[in-house]
Amino acid sequence: MLLGDEPLDTPENRLIVHGAIVEHRATPPTPVAIAPGLAAAIVRDVGLPSPALIEFPADDPERARRFWSQLLGAELAVRRESEGEGWQTRGGTPAVGVHVRGRGPGDSFSLPYFTVGDMDDALEQVRELGGSVIHPGAEWAICKDSEGSPFGLSRACPAT
């Protein structure tokens, strides 16, 4: 049910009714009676995490690069300095990366990474939902979900 007359591609506010998005608008709408007894609230759109990278540690990185390159039909290129050590695919989402297995929190397990708009807000939400932050960072962070499964977060690059 669309309440406004001009939905936007990048909303700043969303009207949420019992978990369902019913309106996208640039400015908060005038309060509307949706149905008797049905509560509505305006919330700030902080953006949902999206898959960005799946990272695989490797005892033999060359063997792992061959495996993933052939399986995916994509080259795993040397990473840029800002991306850390290892190799990853370019183009396509999520990227697939390989690095030398290590002892750190993100070096011993395969990890899916999710892009977030605001790292501080995302880390706070991980904690609020019963997860934990193992290695906080401004650009990348390693976390565990409520069941102890590790995953990573990466900060989205600002649009230029």
Protein backbone atom coordinates (compact mmCIF):
# COMPACT_ATOMS: atom_id res chain seq x y z
CA MET A 1 0.00 0.00 0.00
CA LEU A 2 1.71 3.20 -1.15
CA LEU A 3 0.52 6.21 0.82
CA GLY A 4 2.54 8.93 -0.92
CA ASP A 5 2.31 9.92 -4.53
CA GLU A 6 6.02 9.96 -5.40
CA PRO A 7 8.21 7.09 -4.18
CA LEU A 8 11.97 7.81 -4.24
CA ASP A 9 14.81 5.49 -5.16
CA THR A 10 16.83 6.48 -2.10
CA PRO A 11 14.43 7.24 0.77
CA GLU A 12 15.56 8.95 3.93
CA ASN A 13 12.48 7.91 5.83
CA ARG A 14 10.26 4.87 5.68
CA LEU A 15 6.83 4.31 7.16
CA ILE A 16 6.88 0.95 8.91
CA VAL A 17 3.67 -0.81 9.92
CA HIS A 18 4.24 -4.02 11.88
CA GLY A 19 7.53 -4.62 10.07
CA ALA A 20 6.26 -3.96 6.52
CA ILE A 21 7.46 -0.96 4.54
CA VAL A 22 4.37 0.77 3.27
CA GLU A 23 5.77 4.10 2.13
CA HIS A 24 8.98 5.65 0.81
CA ARG A 25 9.14 9.45 1.05
CA ALA A 26 11.81 12.14 1.25
CA THR A 27 10.02 13.83 4.17
CA PRO A 28 7.94 12.25 6.90
CA PRO A 29 4.28 12.08 5.91
CA THR A 30 1.43 13.56 7.88
CA PRO A 31 0.24 10.93 10.37
CA VAL A 32 -2.32 8.70 8.71
CA ALA A 33 -4.91 6.37 10.21
CA ILE A 34 -4.05 3.09 8.49
CA ALA A 35 -6.63 0.92 10.26
CA PRO A 36 -8.25 0.89 13.71
CA GLY A 37 -5.73 -0.29 16.31
CA LEU A 38 -2.82 -0.55 13.82
CA ALA A 39 0.29 1.27 15.02
CA ALA A 40 2.62 3.07 12.62
CA ALA A 41 5.99 4.68 13.26
CA ILE A 42 8.43 6.69 11.18
CA VAL A 43 11.97 5.37 11.39
CA ARG A 44 15.22 6.61 9.87
CA ASP A 45 16.44 4.42 7.04
CA VAL A 46 19.90 3.24 8.04
CA GLY A 47 20.14 0.83 5.11
CA LEU A 48 20.24 -2.94 5.27
CA PRO A 49 23.54 -4.78 5.09
CA SER A 50 24.20 -6.38 1.73
CA PRO A 51 26.65 -9.19 0.86
CA ALA A 52 29.97 -7.67 -0.22
CA LEU A 53 32.68 -10.32 0.12
CA ILE A 54 33.11 -13.98 1.01
CA GLU A 55 36.62 -14.56 2.32
CA PHE A 56 38.43 -17.92 2.39
CA PRO A 57 41.64 -18.48 4.37
CA ALA A 58 44.06 -20.88 2.71
CA ASP A 59 47.00 -23.00 3.79
CA ASP A 60 48.12 -23.03 0.13
CA PRO A 61 46.90 -19.73 -1.41
CA GLU A 62 47.97 -20.64 -4.96
CA ARG A 63 45.99 -23.88 -4.81
CA ALA A 64 42.99 -22.00 -3.37
CA ARG A 65 43.24 -19.29 -6.06
CA ARG A 66 43.25 -21.97 -8.80
CA PHE A 67 40.28 -23.72 -7.20
CA TRP A 68 38.11 -20.59 -6.84
CA SER A 69 39.19 -19.10 -10.19
CA GLN A 70 38.26 -22.27 -12.04
CA LEU A 71 35.07 -22.89 -10.07
CA LEU A 72 33.82 -19.31 -10.53
CA GLY A 73 35.32 -18.68 -13.96
CA ALA A 74 36.80 -15.45 -12.60
CA GLU A 75 40.32 -14.22 -11.89
CA LEU A 76 41.31 -13.52 -8.29
CA ALA A 77 43.54 -10.45 -8.64
CA VAL A 78 46.02 -9.08 -6.10
CA ARG A 79 44.22 -6.80 -3.67
CA ARG A 80 44.67 -3.06 -3.51
CA GLU A 81 46.54 -1.80 -0.44
CA SER A 82 43.30 -0.60 1.19
CA GLU A 83 41.77 -4.09 0.86
CA GLY A 84 44.40 -5.94 2.88
CA GLU A 85 46.53 -8.88 1.83
CA GLY A 86 45.44 -11.59 -0.58
CA TRP A 87 43.47 -11.82 -3.80
CA GLN A 88 39.87 -11.30 -4.80
CA THR A 89 37.51 -11.20 -7.75
CA ARG A 90 36.63 -7.85 -9.36
CA GLY A 91 33.13 -7.09 -10.55
CA GLY A 92 30.17 -9.09 -9.45
CA THR A 93 28.76 -9.14 -5.98
CA PRO A 94 29.66 -10.54 -3.64
CA ALA A 95 33.41 -10.63 -4.34
CA VAL A 96 35.28 -13.81 -3.43
CA GLY A 97 38.62 -13.45 -1.66
CA VAL A 98 41.50 -15.69 -0.60
CA HIS A 99 44.25 -14.93 1.90
CA VAL A 100 46.93 -16.86 3.78
CA ARG A 101 45.44 -18.58 6.81
CA GLY A 102 46.53 -16.95 10.06
CA ARG A 103 45.64 -16.80 13.75
CA GLY A 104 43.53 -13.62 13.80
CA PRO A 105 39.75 -13.51 14.20
CA GLY A 106 39.19 -13.20 10.47
CA ASP A 107 42.05 -15.44 9.38
CA SER A 108 40.94 -18.94 10.35
CA PHE A 109 37.35 -19.31 9.08
CA SER A 110 35.50 -18.58 5.85
CA LEU A 111 33.65 -15.32 6.38
CA PRO A 112 30.84 -13.58 4.58
CA TYR A 113 31.26 -9.79 4.70
CA PHE A 114 28.29 -7.43 4.56
CA THR A 115 28.42 -3.80 3.45
CA VAL A 116 26.99 -1.29 5.93
CA GLY A 117 26.48 2.46 5.62
CA ASP A 118 27.52 3.37 9.17
CA MET A 119 29.99 1.07 10.92
CA ASP A 120 29.35 2.43 14.44
CA ASP A 121 25.57 1.94 14.08
CA ALA A 122 26.05 -1.55 12.64
CA LEU A 123 28.37 -2.63 15.47
CA GLU A 124 25.91 -1.28 18.02
CA GLN A 125 23.10 -3.22 16.35
CA VAL A 126 25.18 -6.45 16.38
CA ARG A 127 25.56 -6.09 20.15
CA GLU A 128 21.90 -5.16 20.69
CA LEU A 129 20.78 -8.26 18.79
CA GLY A 130 22.87 -10.57 20.99
CA GLY A 131 25.96 -10.82 18.80
CA SER A 132 29.49 -9.79 19.65
CA VAL A 133 32.19 -7.65 18.07
CA ILE A 134 35.49 -9.54 17.98
CA HIS A 135 37.63 -7.05 16.04
CA PRO A 136 36.13 -3.56 15.68
CA GLY A 137 37.38 -1.24 12.98
CA ALA A 138 36.39 1.87 11.04
CA GLU A 139 36.49 0.17 7.61
CA TRP A 140 36.23 -3.56 8.45
CA ALA A 141 35.03 -5.43 11.53
CA ILE A 142 34.79 -9.08 12.53
CA CYS A 143 31.73 -10.11 14.54
CA LYS A 144 29.88 -13.20 15.74
CA ASP A 145 26.13 -13.63 15.47
CA SER A 146 23.87 -14.66 18.35
CA GLU A 147 24.86 -18.31 17.79
CA GLY A 148 28.62 -17.70 17.64
CA SER A 149 29.03 -17.86 13.85
CA PRO A 150 31.64 -15.37 12.60
CA PHE A 151 30.99 -12.77 9.88
CA GLY A 152 32.49 -9.51 8.74
CA LEU A 153 31.20 -6.01 8.11
CA SER A 154 32.69 -3.55 5.64
CA ARG A 155 31.90 0.16 5.49
CA ALA A 156 30.38 1.30 2.20
CA CYS A 157 32.44 3.85 0.33
CA PRO A 158 30.72 7.26 0.29
CA ALA A 159 29.25 8.23 -3.09
CA THR A 160 31.33 10.81 -4.93
